[in-house]
């Protein structure tokens, strides 16, 4: 299979732009607060489990 080389600074060398819904969920503060709590609960569970 032949892979063509990607030229530096071309459109192909940059990551894709996020969609409108992705940008919305990344900036929606209530959703970020929920994710923050969920992530912290996971971390607490790991730490408490390691100290038993």
Protein backbone atom coordinates (compact mmCIF):
# COMPACT_ATOMS: atom_id res chain seq x y z
CA UNK A 1 0.00 0.00 0.00
CA UNK A 2 1.37 3.39 -0.96
CA UNK A 3 1.18 6.28 1.52
CA UNK A 4 1.80 9.68 0.03
CA UNK A 5 4.01 11.92 2.17
CA UNK A 6 2.32 14.77 4.02
CA UNK A 7 3.92 18.08 3.32
CA UNK A 8 4.62 20.24 6.37
CA UNK A 9 2.16 23.04 7.14
CA UNK A 10 -0.41 21.67 4.72
CA UNK A 11 -4.08 21.28 5.60
CA UNK A 12 -3.55 17.54 6.15
CA UNK A 13 -0.95 18.04 8.89
CA UNK A 14 -3.36 19.77 11.29
CA UNK A 15 -5.99 18.01 13.45
CA UNK A 16 -9.65 18.30 12.42
CA UNK A 17 -11.68 21.19 13.81
CA UNK A 18 -14.24 20.24 16.49
CA UNK A 19 -17.90 20.19 15.54
CA UNK A 20 -20.42 22.65 16.91
CA UNK A 21 -21.77 20.17 19.44
CA UNK A 22 -18.26 19.30 20.64
CA UNK A 23 -17.48 22.97 21.21
CA UNK A 24 -20.79 23.41 23.04
CA UNK A 25 -20.18 20.52 25.48
CA UNK A 26 -16.61 21.65 26.12
CA UNK A 27 -17.78 25.11 27.15
CA UNK A 28 -21.08 24.19 28.92
CA UNK A 29 -20.29 24.88 32.59
CA UNK A 30 -22.92 22.56 34.18
CA UNK A 31 -21.64 19.63 32.12
CA UNK A 32 -18.06 20.46 33.10
CA UNK A 33 -19.08 20.52 36.78
CA UNK A 34 -20.69 17.07 36.48
CA UNK A 35 -17.61 15.66 34.75
CA UNK A 36 -15.39 17.22 37.43
CA UNK A 37 -17.35 15.50 40.20
CA UNK A 38 -17.37 12.14 38.39
CA UNK A 39 -13.63 12.28 37.77
CA UNK A 40 -12.91 13.21 41.39
CA UNK A 41 -15.07 10.34 42.66
CA UNK A 42 -13.09 7.92 40.47
CA UNK A 43 -9.79 9.29 41.82
CA UNK A 44 -11.04 9.08 45.43
CA UNK A 45 -12.11 5.46 44.89
CA UNK A 46 -8.66 4.55 43.55
CA UNK A 47 -6.83 6.33 46.39
CA UNK A 48 -9.03 4.87 49.12
CA UNK A 49 -8.74 1.40 47.60
CA UNK A 50 -4.95 1.68 47.61
CA UNK A 51 -4.80 2.64 51.27
CA UNK A 52 -6.83 -0.31 52.56
